[in-house]
Every structure is written in C-alpha cells, then in structure tokens.
Protein backbone atom coordinates (compact mmCIF):
# COMPACT_ATOMS: atom_id res chain seq x y z
CA MET A 1 5.55 1.74 -31.18
CA GLY A 2 6.75 0.51 -34.50
CA GLU A 3 9.71 -1.53 -35.52
CA GLY A 4 11.29 -1.73 -38.97
CA GLU A 5 11.87 0.45 -42.01
CA ALA A 6 9.58 3.46 -41.87
CA ASP A 7 9.47 7.20 -41.48
CA SER A 8 10.98 8.74 -38.39
CA PRO A 9 8.56 9.63 -35.56
CA ALA A 10 8.72 13.33 -36.55
CA ALA A 11 7.92 12.53 -40.17
CA ALA A 12 5.11 10.24 -39.13
CA LYS A 13 3.60 13.02 -37.07
CA LYS A 14 3.62 15.37 -40.07
CA ARG A 15 1.60 13.06 -42.28
CA GLY A 16 -1.56 14.59 -40.87
CA THR A 17 -4.83 13.48 -39.46
CA ASP A 18 -5.90 11.91 -42.75
CA GLU A 19 -3.51 9.03 -41.99
CA GLU A 20 -4.20 8.59 -38.30
CA GLU A 21 -5.35 5.07 -39.03
CA GLU A 22 -1.64 4.25 -39.59
CA ASP A 23 -0.77 5.08 -35.99
CA PHE A 24 2.17 2.88 -35.05
CA GLY A 25 1.97 3.45 -31.31
CA TYR A 26 4.07 6.63 -31.10
CA ARG A 27 1.19 8.35 -29.33
CA LEU A 28 2.17 6.34 -26.25
CA PHE A 29 5.72 7.73 -26.32
CA PRO A 30 5.36 11.54 -26.59
CA ASP A 31 9.00 12.20 -25.68
CA ARG A 32 10.05 10.56 -28.98
CA ASN A 33 9.16 13.82 -30.77
CA LYS A 34 10.81 16.21 -28.31
CA LYS A 35 14.29 17.66 -28.37
CA PRO A 36 16.66 15.89 -25.95
CA GLN A 37 16.95 17.63 -22.60
CA SER A 38 20.32 18.63 -21.20
CA PHE A 39 21.96 16.34 -18.67
CA LEU A 40 21.51 19.00 -15.98
CA VAL A 41 17.76 19.23 -16.59
CA ARG A 42 17.34 15.45 -16.72
CA SER A 43 19.36 15.00 -13.54
CA LEU A 44 16.75 17.00 -11.62
CA PHE A 45 14.05 14.43 -12.27
CA THR A 46 13.98 11.54 -9.81
CA PHE A 47 12.16 9.23 -12.24
CA HIS A 48 14.94 9.60 -14.79
CA ASN A 49 17.71 8.96 -12.28
CA LYS A 50 15.95 5.94 -10.84
CA CYS A 51 15.28 4.56 -14.31
CA GLN A 52 18.95 4.85 -15.25
CA LEU A 53 20.09 3.15 -12.06
CA MET A 54 17.63 0.28 -12.43
CA LEU A 55 18.59 -0.14 -16.09
CA ARG A 56 22.27 -0.39 -15.22
CA LEU A 57 21.55 -2.99 -12.55
CA THR A 58 19.48 -5.04 -15.01
CA LEU A 59 22.16 -4.98 -17.70
CA GLU A 60 24.90 -5.93 -15.24
CA THR A 61 23.18 -8.61 -13.18
CA ASN A 62 20.03 -10.00 -14.80
CA PRO A 63 20.73 -13.33 -16.57
CA TYR A 64 17.94 -12.84 -19.12
CA ALA A 65 19.37 -9.50 -20.20
CA ARG A 66 22.99 -10.65 -20.13
CA LEU A 67 22.22 -13.60 -22.42
CA LEU A 68 20.36 -11.39 -24.88
CA LEU A 69 23.12 -8.77 -24.90
CA GLU A 70 25.68 -11.48 -25.68
CA ALA A 71 23.45 -12.96 -28.39
CA LEU A 72 22.96 -9.55 -29.99
CA LYS A 73 26.70 -8.93 -29.95
CA GLN A 74 27.39 -12.27 -31.62
CA SER A 75 24.76 -11.45 -34.24
CA GLY A 76 26.58 -8.23 -35.12
CA CYS A 77 24.27 -5.90 -33.18
CA THR A 78 26.23 -4.78 -30.13
CA VAL A 79 24.05 -2.84 -27.70
CA PHE A 80 25.37 0.30 -26.01
CA ASN A 81 23.65 1.68 -22.92
CA ASP A 82 23.78 5.36 -23.88
CA ARG A 83 22.88 4.76 -27.52
CA HIS A 84 20.24 2.04 -27.45
CA PHE A 85 18.24 2.77 -24.29
CA SER A 86 16.22 5.85 -23.46
CA CYS A 87 14.34 6.55 -20.22
CA GLU A 88 11.30 8.67 -21.08
CA ASN A 89 7.85 9.58 -19.84
CA CYS A 90 5.07 7.66 -21.59
CA ASP A 91 1.31 7.91 -21.84
CA GLY A 92 -1.12 5.31 -20.53
CA CYS A 93 0.03 2.16 -18.79
CA VAL A 94 2.71 1.19 -21.32
CA SER A 95 6.04 0.18 -19.78
CA GLY A 96 8.37 0.21 -22.76
CA GLY A 97 8.78 -0.17 -26.48
CA PHE A 98 11.25 -0.95 -29.25
CA ASP A 99 11.60 1.84 -31.78
CA ALA A 100 13.20 0.22 -34.82
CA ALA A 101 13.32 3.54 -36.67
CA THR A 102 16.10 4.49 -34.23
CA SER A 103 17.09 0.98 -33.04
CA GLN A 104 16.33 2.17 -29.55
CA ILE A 105 14.56 0.68 -26.55
CA VAL A 106 12.29 3.11 -24.71
CA LEU A 107 11.82 2.58 -20.98
CA CYS A 108 8.83 4.36 -19.44
CA GLN A 109 10.38 5.97 -16.38
CA ASN A 110 7.03 7.15 -15.05
CA ASN A 111 5.54 3.63 -15.14
CA ILE A 112 8.47 1.40 -14.11
CA ARG A 113 8.86 1.65 -10.35
CA GLN A 114 10.39 -1.69 -9.28
CA GLN A 115 13.58 -3.49 -10.26
CA SER A 116 11.72 -6.71 -11.10
CA HIS A 117 9.51 -4.76 -13.49
CA MET A 118 12.56 -3.16 -15.12
CA ASN A 119 14.11 -6.61 -15.56
CA ARG A 120 11.05 -7.90 -17.43
CA VAL A 121 10.64 -4.81 -19.61
CA VAL A 122 14.30 -4.73 -20.65
CA THR A 123 14.23 -8.46 -21.41
CA HIS A 124 10.99 -8.16 -23.38
CA GLU A 125 12.31 -5.31 -25.52
CA LEU A 126 15.73 -6.94 -26.00
CA ILE A 127 13.93 -9.93 -27.52
CA HIS A 128 12.36 -7.55 -30.04
CA ALA A 129 15.82 -6.08 -30.69
CA PHE A 130 17.23 -9.58 -31.20
CA ASP A 131 14.46 -10.41 -33.68
CA HIS A 132 15.09 -7.11 -35.45
CA CYS A 133 18.79 -7.95 -35.71
CA ARG A 134 18.51 -11.51 -36.96
CA ALA A 135 15.57 -11.29 -39.37
CA HIS A 136 14.04 -9.02 -42.00
CA VAL A 137 11.02 -8.11 -39.92
CA ASP A 138 8.35 -5.83 -41.38
CA TRP A 139 7.21 -4.42 -38.05
CA PHE A 140 5.03 -1.64 -39.42
CA LYS A 141 3.12 -3.30 -42.25
CA ASN A 142 2.98 -7.02 -41.48
CA VAL A 143 0.97 -7.68 -38.33
CA LYS A 144 1.98 -11.36 -38.37
CA HIS A 145 5.64 -10.38 -38.05
CA LEU A 146 4.77 -8.21 -35.06
CA ALA A 147 2.64 -11.01 -33.60
CA CYS A 148 5.52 -13.48 -33.85
CA SER A 149 7.93 -11.25 -31.95
CA GLU A 150 5.29 -10.44 -29.32
CA ILE A 151 4.68 -14.18 -28.82
CA ARG A 152 8.40 -14.78 -28.39
CA ALA A 153 8.78 -11.85 -26.02
CA ALA A 154 5.90 -12.97 -23.82
CA ASN A 155 7.14 -16.56 -23.86
CA LEU A 156 10.82 -15.94 -23.11
CA SER A 157 10.96 -12.76 -21.01
CA GLY A 158 9.35 -14.07 -17.83
CA ASP A 159 6.12 -12.16 -18.48
CA CYS A 160 4.12 -15.35 -17.95
CA THR A 161 5.88 -16.93 -14.98
CA LEU A 162 3.64 -18.47 -12.35
CA MET A 163 4.43 -15.75 -9.81
CA ASN A 164 3.61 -12.97 -12.25
CA GLU A 165 0.33 -14.59 -13.15
CA ILE A 166 -0.57 -15.06 -9.50
CA ALA A 167 0.18 -11.36 -8.95
CA ARG A 168 -2.34 -10.63 -11.73
CA PHE A 169 -4.88 -12.91 -9.99
CA LYS A 170 -4.84 -15.29 -12.94
CA PHE A 171 -4.66 -18.98 -12.26
CA GLY A 172 -4.73 -22.01 -14.49
CA LEU A 173 -3.52 -25.53 -14.88
CA LYS A 174 -2.81 -27.30 -18.16
CA GLY A 175 -1.84 -24.95 -20.97
CA HIS A 176 -1.95 -21.85 -18.81
CA HIS A 177 1.47 -20.63 -19.95
CA GLN A 178 0.41 -20.80 -23.60
CA THR A 179 -2.82 -18.98 -22.78
CA CYS A 180 -0.89 -16.21 -21.03
CA VAL A 181 1.53 -15.85 -23.94
CA ARG A 182 -1.31 -15.64 -26.45
CA ASP A 183 -3.28 -13.10 -24.41
CA ARG A 184 -0.29 -10.85 -23.76
CA ALA A 185 0.78 -10.94 -27.40
CA ILE A 186 -2.70 -9.83 -28.45
CA ARG A 187 -2.70 -7.06 -25.85
CA SER A 188 0.68 -5.81 -27.03
CA ILE A 189 -0.46 -5.66 -30.66
CA LEU A 190 -3.61 -3.76 -29.75
CA ALA A 191 -1.56 -1.27 -27.69
CA VAL A 192 0.62 -0.22 -30.62
CA ARG A 193 -1.50 -0.83 -33.72
CA LYS A 194 -4.92 0.44 -34.73
CA VAL A 195 -6.29 -2.96 -35.67
CA SER A 196 -9.36 -4.81 -34.48
CA LYS A 197 -9.13 -7.42 -31.77
CA GLU A 198 -10.20 -10.00 -34.33
CA THR A 199 -7.28 -9.04 -36.60
CA ALA A 200 -4.81 -9.28 -33.72
CA GLU A 201 -6.19 -12.64 -32.60
CA LYS A 202 -6.04 -14.04 -36.12
CA ALA A 203 -2.43 -12.92 -36.59
CA VAL A 204 -1.37 -14.47 -33.28
CA ASP A 205 -3.20 -17.72 -33.93
CA GLU A 206 -1.73 -18.11 -37.43
CA VAL A 207 1.89 -17.91 -36.25
CA PHE A 208 1.55 -19.12 -32.68
CA ASP A 209 2.95 -22.66 -32.92
CA ALA A 210 6.03 -21.73 -34.93
CA CYS A 211 6.86 -18.64 -32.91
CA PHE A 212 6.09 -20.18 -29.50
CA ASN A 213 8.55 -22.98 -30.31
CA ASP A 214 11.27 -20.59 -31.51
CA LEU A 215 13.34 -20.41 -28.32
CA GLU A 216 16.42 -18.58 -29.62
CA PRO A 217 18.69 -17.49 -28.11
CA PHE A 218 17.66 -19.18 -24.83
CA GLY A 219 17.23 -22.72 -26.13
CA ARG A 220 14.53 -23.27 -23.50
CA ILE A 221 11.65 -21.38 -21.90
CA PRO A 222 13.25 -19.69 -18.87
CA HIS A 223 10.58 -19.90 -16.18
CA SER A 224 12.87 -18.40 -13.52
CA LYS A 225 16.20 -16.67 -13.03
CA ALA A 226 17.72 -20.08 -12.34
CA ASP A 227 16.50 -21.27 -15.75
CA ALA A 228 17.89 -18.11 -17.33
CA ARG A 229 21.27 -18.62 -15.67
CA ARG A 230 21.41 -22.19 -16.98
CA ALA A 231 20.44 -20.97 -20.44
CA TYR A 232 23.18 -18.33 -20.27
CA ARG A 233 25.79 -20.94 -19.33
CA ASP A 234 24.60 -23.21 -22.13
CA PHE A 235 24.76 -20.31 -24.58
CA GLN A 236 28.33 -19.51 -23.56
CA ASN A 237 29.36 -23.16 -23.79
CA ARG A 238 27.69 -23.45 -27.20
CA ASP A 239 29.75 -20.49 -28.37
CA ARG A 240 32.97 -22.03 -27.07
CA TYR A 241 32.14 -25.35 -28.74
CA THR A 242 31.44 -23.67 -32.06
CA ALA A 243 34.68 -21.65 -31.83
CA ASN A 244 36.67 -24.88 -31.44
CA LEU A 245 35.21 -26.56 -34.53
C-alpha cells in the first residue's frame, strides 16, 4: 500500500497492465476499490464487528496507540476513528496498511484475530501516519523514505519484542533486536513494492542507523507496555513543561 501524493486507488487501477510494475501494494487491499457497504450489511459480518471492537479497545487502552494519537494531535493531525480507520478484507497474509492517498489506516479484519495483534498493527500503522504528518515523505517514489518509516515502525511498535520473536521461533543474543527490525522492514517493503530484494536491502541499509535512532515520539524503544506507559507519561510531562516556558 502506498503513502504520499499519488493517484487514488481507482485511478491507479485504470492505468492499465502496461504499468503494473508500479504496483504500490493496493492488490493486497481489494476493498479499497469497492463502494462502501451500508452499515446494515457490514453489521452482519462477524469479522467487521470484531475488528471494530478490538480497534476501539486498542485506541482507548493501549499505551503505544494513546501516545501516538496524542503526538499526532499535537502535530496538527488529529485522528478520528470513523474517518481514519477502515476494517476491510485483505488478500494474502497482510495485516494492515497506511493509505496516504486517503490518510487512512486499513485494518485487515480477516487476518487480525487477537487483541494483541490488533494492538501491534494499529501502533505500526500509526507510526507511518505520524511520519506522514511530520515530514514530506515520498512514499510512492522514494524507496528510502519508505524504508525509514518501516524501520521506525518495526523498532517502536513492539513488532520485535522478545516474546514476539520467541513466538516466531526466532532467537538471538547480541544485536537481535536490530536484526529483527532490519528483516521486518525489508519484508514490509517487498510486500507493498515491486522491487528486488537487493533493492529493498540496500534502501534499508543506507538509512538504517539514522532511522533506527529516530525514536520520536516515544523518546525510547518501548520493549513492553510498561515501557510504553513510561514513554506516554514522559511525553505528557514534556508537553506540560513546554507549555510553561
């Protein structure tokens, strides 16, 4: 899925097969090109209802998400549940995406089944939304820009916590977190862009140090909910301190 200034999904689809090499990942989100269903029709689908309930719980209780929502608001990009999130069916194993053409986060209701998974996906995509808000990111044409945001999302969202890596049967000692962040950033790029693995690896490697060390708005790498809660308190206190200057 693409982020940034570009054609709408419908316009992109009309460009024809001669430009399929410019696929920006919309193939993974087929509902992007469909007319919205009525509330009555959507209410009949359990996946949609469950997705909406899990999303609400994440936004109200998860410290990662709450910090990012506050940071977005302070940056002039207030997020509204009904406007900026969409529960949809997706192809493949993708869990979510940030569609900058509509400034909307897509949550794959057919692939997100657990609250912990919803928490990570929402946090991951909110980091992309935060990057989109604070910087002039060329999501569609500059793979290094995309790589930077994917590095930050993997690093700060909890994707690479020890427990998640153990659940994936991946173990490591020194530098394992960095390895996880790099690998997941590369995987994310390959999922939404038709580029070679070598191109994705090169883009990640070229921006890795700078983007891995960019910890905004957390100020630290939150390895757990406790870390995220501390980061949220620090963020709130930082705001109060700045307001008193």
